[in-house]
N, C-alpha and C. Protein backbone atom coordinates (compact mmCIF):
# COMPACT_ATOMS: atom_id res chain seq x y z
N UNK A 1 86.91 -48.00 76.20
CA UNK A 1 86.90 -49.26 77.09
C UNK A 1 85.91 -50.44 76.45
N UNK A 2 84.68 -50.00 76.11
CA UNK A 2 83.77 -50.96 75.87
C UNK A 2 84.36 -51.64 74.28
N UNK A 3 84.62 -50.92 73.65
CA UNK A 3 85.24 -51.14 72.34
C UNK A 3 86.46 -52.21 72.57
N UNK A 4 87.17 -51.88 73.04
CA UNK A 4 88.49 -52.77 73.78
C UNK A 4 87.94 -54.34 74.27
N UNK A 5 87.09 -54.06 74.92
CA UNK A 5 86.39 -55.47 75.41
C UNK A 5 85.64 -56.23 74.57
N UNK A 6 84.73 -55.54 73.45
CA UNK A 6 84.30 -56.31 72.43
C UNK A 6 85.45 -57.01 71.50
N UNK A 7 86.53 -56.16 71.26
CA UNK A 7 87.33 -56.73 70.19
C UNK A 7 87.87 -57.79 70.97
N UNK A 8 88.15 -57.83 72.30
CA UNK A 8 88.82 -59.13 73.08
C UNK A 8 87.78 -59.95 73.32
N UNK A 9 86.59 -59.90 73.04
CA UNK A 9 85.74 -61.38 73.13
C UNK A 9 85.41 -61.71 71.57
N UNK A 10 85.44 -60.62 70.52
CA UNK A 10 85.06 -61.03 68.94
C UNK A 10 86.32 -60.34 68.35
N UNK A 11 87.10 -61.18 68.31
CA UNK A 11 88.43 -60.32 67.24
C UNK A 11 87.68 -60.30 65.88
N UNK A 12 87.98 -58.92 65.24
CA UNK A 12 87.82 -58.62 64.14
C UNK A 12 88.68 -59.29 63.31
N UNK A 13 87.99 -59.36 61.98
CA UNK A 13 89.07 -60.22 60.89
C UNK A 13 89.74 -59.02 60.21
N UNK A 14 89.20 -57.86 59.82
CA UNK A 14 89.57 -56.69 59.27
C UNK A 14 89.39 -55.25 60.14
N UNK A 15 90.47 -54.46 60.49
CA UNK A 15 89.96 -53.47 61.26
C UNK A 15 90.60 -52.10 60.46
N UNK A 16 90.11 -51.07 59.84
CA UNK A 16 90.34 -49.72 59.43
C UNK A 16 90.27 -48.70 60.72
N UNK A 17 91.40 -48.30 61.21
CA UNK A 17 91.30 -47.15 62.13
C UNK A 17 91.74 -45.84 61.24
N UNK A 18 90.58 -44.99 61.39
CA UNK A 18 90.75 -43.45 60.65
C UNK A 18 91.27 -42.61 61.43
N UNK A 19 92.25 -41.72 60.93
CA UNK A 19 92.71 -40.95 61.74
C UNK A 19 92.85 -39.58 61.12
N UNK A 20 92.80 -38.34 61.51
CA UNK A 20 92.94 -37.13 61.00
C UNK A 20 94.29 -36.76 60.84
N UNK A 21 94.66 -37.10 59.76
CA UNK A 21 96.09 -36.97 59.32
C UNK A 21 96.79 -35.56 59.40
N UNK A 22 95.97 -34.67 59.42
CA UNK A 22 96.41 -33.26 59.70
C UNK A 22 96.92 -32.90 60.94
N UNK A 23 96.60 -33.93 61.82
CA UNK A 23 97.04 -33.69 63.01
C UNK A 23 98.36 -34.36 63.42
N UNK A 24 99.34 -34.11 64.28
CA UNK A 24 100.63 -34.74 64.62
C UNK A 24 100.14 -35.92 65.37
N UNK A 25 100.83 -37.10 65.17
CA UNK A 25 100.69 -38.19 65.73
C UNK A 25 101.52 -38.21 66.96
N UNK A 26 100.57 -38.58 67.83
CA UNK A 26 101.39 -38.63 69.39
C UNK A 26 101.32 -39.84 69.92
N UNK A 27 102.07 -40.00 71.17
CA UNK A 27 102.14 -41.49 71.72
C UNK A 27 100.55 -41.92 72.27
N UNK A 28 99.93 -40.95 72.64
CA UNK A 28 98.33 -41.73 73.10
C UNK A 28 97.76 -42.19 71.87
N UNK A 29 97.85 -41.41 70.63
CA UNK A 29 97.09 -41.99 69.83
C UNK A 29 97.73 -43.18 68.96
N UNK A 30 99.10 -43.17 68.87
CA UNK A 30 99.95 -44.41 68.43
C UNK A 30 99.42 -45.42 69.24
N UNK A 31 99.75 -45.25 70.48
CA UNK A 31 99.21 -46.38 71.52
C UNK A 31 98.10 -46.94 71.59
N UNK A 32 96.96 -46.26 71.44
CA UNK A 32 95.57 -46.60 70.87
C UNK A 32 95.64 -47.46 69.72
N UNK A 33 96.02 -46.95 68.70
CA UNK A 33 96.05 -47.86 67.52
C UNK A 33 97.07 -49.29 67.68
N UNK A 34 97.96 -49.08 68.25
CA UNK A 34 98.44 -50.31 68.68
C UNK A 34 97.96 -51.33 69.40
N UNK A 35 97.10 -50.88 70.27
CA UNK A 35 96.29 -51.64 71.18
C UNK A 35 95.17 -52.31 70.50
N UNK A 36 94.24 -51.24 69.53
CA UNK A 36 93.41 -52.27 68.78
C UNK A 36 93.81 -53.17 67.79
N UNK A 37 95.11 -52.59 67.18
CA UNK A 37 95.72 -53.46 66.27
C UNK A 37 95.83 -55.10 66.89
N UNK A 38 95.94 -55.16 68.09
CA UNK A 38 96.52 -56.12 69.00
C UNK A 38 95.45 -56.99 69.01
N UNK A 39 94.19 -56.35 68.82
CA UNK A 39 92.84 -57.17 68.80
C UNK A 39 92.33 -57.59 67.50
N UNK A 40 92.87 -57.36 66.45
CA UNK A 40 92.39 -57.62 65.21
C UNK A 40 93.47 -58.54 64.25
N UNK A 41 92.84 -59.02 63.46
CA UNK A 41 93.60 -60.28 62.74
C UNK A 41 94.69 -59.41 61.64
N UNK A 42 94.08 -58.26 61.14
CA UNK A 42 94.67 -57.43 60.28
C UNK A 42 94.10 -56.13 60.63
N UNK A 43 94.99 -55.05 60.51
CA UNK A 43 94.65 -53.60 60.67
C UNK A 43 95.23 -52.94 59.72
N UNK A 44 94.68 -51.84 59.20
CA UNK A 44 94.98 -50.77 58.19
C UNK A 44 94.45 -49.50 59.00
N UNK A 45 95.56 -48.43 58.76
CA UNK A 45 95.11 -46.98 59.24
C UNK A 45 94.97 -46.20 57.97
N UNK A 46 93.73 -45.56 58.15
CA UNK A 46 93.41 -44.57 56.73
C UNK A 46 93.64 -43.23 57.49
N UNK A 47 94.76 -42.70 56.40
CA UNK A 47 95.24 -41.55 56.79
C UNK A 47 94.37 -40.27 56.07
N UNK A 48 92.82 -40.08 57.00
CA UNK A 48 91.91 -39.27 56.37
C UNK A 48 92.60 -37.57 56.43
N UNK A 49 91.83 -36.89 55.68
CA UNK A 49 92.23 -35.41 55.50
C UNK A 49 93.74 -35.25 55.04
N UNK A 50 94.36 -36.03 54.31
CA UNK A 50 95.63 -35.46 53.82
C UNK A 50 95.53 -34.68 52.50
N UNK A 51 96.06 -33.47 52.60
CA UNK A 51 95.80 -32.51 51.53
C UNK A 51 97.28 -31.91 51.48
N UNK A 52 97.52 -30.92 50.76
CA UNK A 52 98.67 -30.36 50.37
C UNK A 52 99.48 -29.59 51.38
N UNK A 53 98.81 -29.04 52.51
CA UNK A 53 99.34 -28.33 53.55
C UNK A 53 99.64 -29.05 54.56
N UNK A 54 98.99 -30.41 54.72
CA UNK A 54 99.45 -31.70 55.58
C UNK A 54 100.64 -32.13 55.16
N UNK A 55 100.76 -32.22 53.90
CA UNK A 55 101.92 -32.98 53.32
C UNK A 55 103.03 -32.13 53.53
N UNK A 56 102.89 -30.64 53.22
CA UNK A 56 104.12 -29.94 53.71
C UNK A 56 104.39 -29.88 54.86
N UNK A 57 103.35 -29.72 55.81
CA UNK A 57 103.98 -29.72 56.87
C UNK A 57 104.50 -31.14 57.48
N UNK A 58 104.80 -32.04 56.50
CA UNK A 58 105.52 -33.19 56.48
C UNK A 58 104.50 -34.31 57.75
N UNK A 59 102.94 -34.10 57.96
CA UNK A 59 102.39 -35.02 58.42
C UNK A 59 102.30 -36.44 58.04
N UNK A 60 102.16 -36.63 56.73
CA UNK A 60 102.14 -38.29 56.22
C UNK A 60 103.36 -38.59 56.56
N UNK A 61 104.64 -38.09 56.24
CA UNK A 61 105.83 -38.46 56.67
C UNK A 61 105.36 -39.05 58.28
N UNK A 62 105.16 -38.13 58.98
CA UNK A 62 105.23 -38.35 60.35
C UNK A 62 104.31 -39.50 60.69
N UNK A 63 103.35 -39.37 60.31
CA UNK A 63 102.31 -40.57 60.64
C UNK A 63 102.85 -41.88 60.09
N UNK A 64 103.64 -42.00 58.80
CA UNK A 64 104.28 -43.37 58.49
C UNK A 64 105.15 -43.81 59.49
N UNK A 65 105.98 -42.89 59.75
CA UNK A 65 107.01 -43.32 60.64
C UNK A 65 106.39 -43.52 62.21
N UNK A 66 105.71 -42.83 62.59
CA UNK A 66 105.03 -43.38 63.87
C UNK A 66 104.43 -44.75 63.76
N UNK A 67 103.87 -45.12 62.65
CA UNK A 67 103.07 -46.10 62.55
C UNK A 67 103.73 -47.42 62.15
N UNK A 68 105.09 -47.09 61.81
CA UNK A 68 106.22 -47.99 61.38
C UNK A 68 106.91 -48.65 63.03
N UNK A 69 106.72 -47.61 63.69
CA UNK A 69 107.66 -47.63 65.03
C UNK A 69 106.42 -48.63 65.74
N UNK A 70 105.41 -48.73 65.36
CA UNK A 70 104.19 -49.80 66.45
C UNK A 70 104.11 -50.78 65.61
N UNK A 71 104.78 -51.23 64.57
CA UNK A 71 104.61 -52.19 63.85
C UNK A 71 103.78 -52.56 62.63
N UNK A 72 103.19 -51.20 62.23
CA UNK A 72 102.48 -51.27 60.91
C UNK A 72 102.97 -50.21 59.98
N UNK A 73 103.59 -51.05 59.05
CA UNK A 73 104.51 -50.70 58.12
C UNK A 73 103.62 -50.14 56.90
N UNK A 74 104.32 -49.76 55.69
CA UNK A 74 103.83 -48.90 54.47
C UNK A 74 102.53 -49.97 54.12
N UNK A 75 102.58 -51.00 54.09
CA UNK A 75 101.10 -51.66 53.51
C UNK A 75 99.91 -51.53 54.47
N UNK A 76 100.14 -50.97 55.65
CA UNK A 76 99.09 -50.77 56.55
C UNK A 76 98.53 -49.39 56.53
N UNK A 77 99.36 -48.46 55.89
CA UNK A 77 98.91 -47.30 55.65
C UNK A 77 98.16 -47.05 54.27
N UNK A 78 96.79 -46.44 54.73
CA UNK A 78 96.11 -46.17 53.33
C UNK A 78 95.70 -44.87 53.30
N UNK A 79 95.57 -44.08 52.38
CA UNK A 79 95.19 -42.33 52.15
C UNK A 79 94.15 -42.09 51.33
N UNK A 80 93.82 -43.21 51.29
CA UNK A 80 92.19 -42.76 50.39
C UNK A 80 91.23 -43.74 50.70
N UNK A 81 89.93 -42.84 50.75
CA UNK A 81 88.80 -43.49 51.65
C UNK A 81 88.61 -44.73 50.86
N UNK A 82 88.16 -44.57 49.56
CA UNK A 82 87.97 -45.86 48.67
C UNK A 82 88.84 -47.24 49.09
N UNK A 83 90.32 -46.77 49.15
CA UNK A 83 91.18 -48.02 49.44
C UNK A 83 90.69 -48.69 50.54
N UNK A 84 90.44 -47.88 51.41
CA UNK A 84 89.93 -48.31 53.00
C UNK A 84 88.62 -48.92 52.50
N UNK A 85 87.73 -48.64 52.10
CA UNK A 85 86.47 -49.69 51.91
C UNK A 85 86.65 -50.83 51.25
N UNK A 86 87.26 -50.75 50.17
CA UNK A 86 87.75 -51.93 49.42
C UNK A 86 88.53 -52.86 50.03
N UNK A 87 89.42 -52.64 50.94
CA UNK A 87 90.26 -53.23 51.80
C UNK A 87 89.15 -54.29 52.97
N UNK A 88 88.28 -53.33 53.55
CA UNK A 88 87.42 -53.64 54.47
C UNK A 88 86.45 -55.26 53.82
N UNK A 89 86.47 -54.80 52.65
CA UNK A 89 85.39 -55.71 52.15
C UNK A 89 85.99 -56.75 51.66
N UNK A 90 87.30 -56.64 51.10
CA UNK A 90 88.01 -58.00 50.34
C UNK A 90 89.29 -58.12 50.98
N UNK A 91 89.87 -57.31 51.79
CA UNK A 91 91.11 -57.88 52.31
C UNK A 91 92.14 -57.67 51.37
N UNK A 92 93.17 -58.12 51.37
CA UNK A 92 94.60 -58.01 50.72
C UNK A 92 93.92 -58.33 49.19
N UNK A 93 93.42 -59.13 48.90
CA UNK A 93 93.18 -59.69 47.49
C UNK A 93 92.90 -58.27 46.28
N UNK A 94 92.62 -56.97 46.78
CA UNK A 94 92.84 -55.98 45.99
C UNK A 94 93.64 -54.74 46.73
N UNK A 95 94.62 -54.05 46.25
CA UNK A 95 95.25 -53.05 46.81
C UNK A 95 95.03 -51.76 46.08
């Protein structure tokens, strides 16, 4: 609740939400991501923990589909920690 209040008062220019991509996305996590994204000028989601087992279980696809369902398309999905940091520092000028 405190973070949401701060975001409402001081809109972040860029926000990266890190999720454990080995977990199945659910309505609660997707709802929270959507709510946080509503308070930021630009949002990316870092799917941390993607490995062969997670990909084999279809987690990457599930996360991409779930995020697309809340308006965060392919460009908003990051699977690499370095890409997340670079985006936070520079925005969309580097991909």
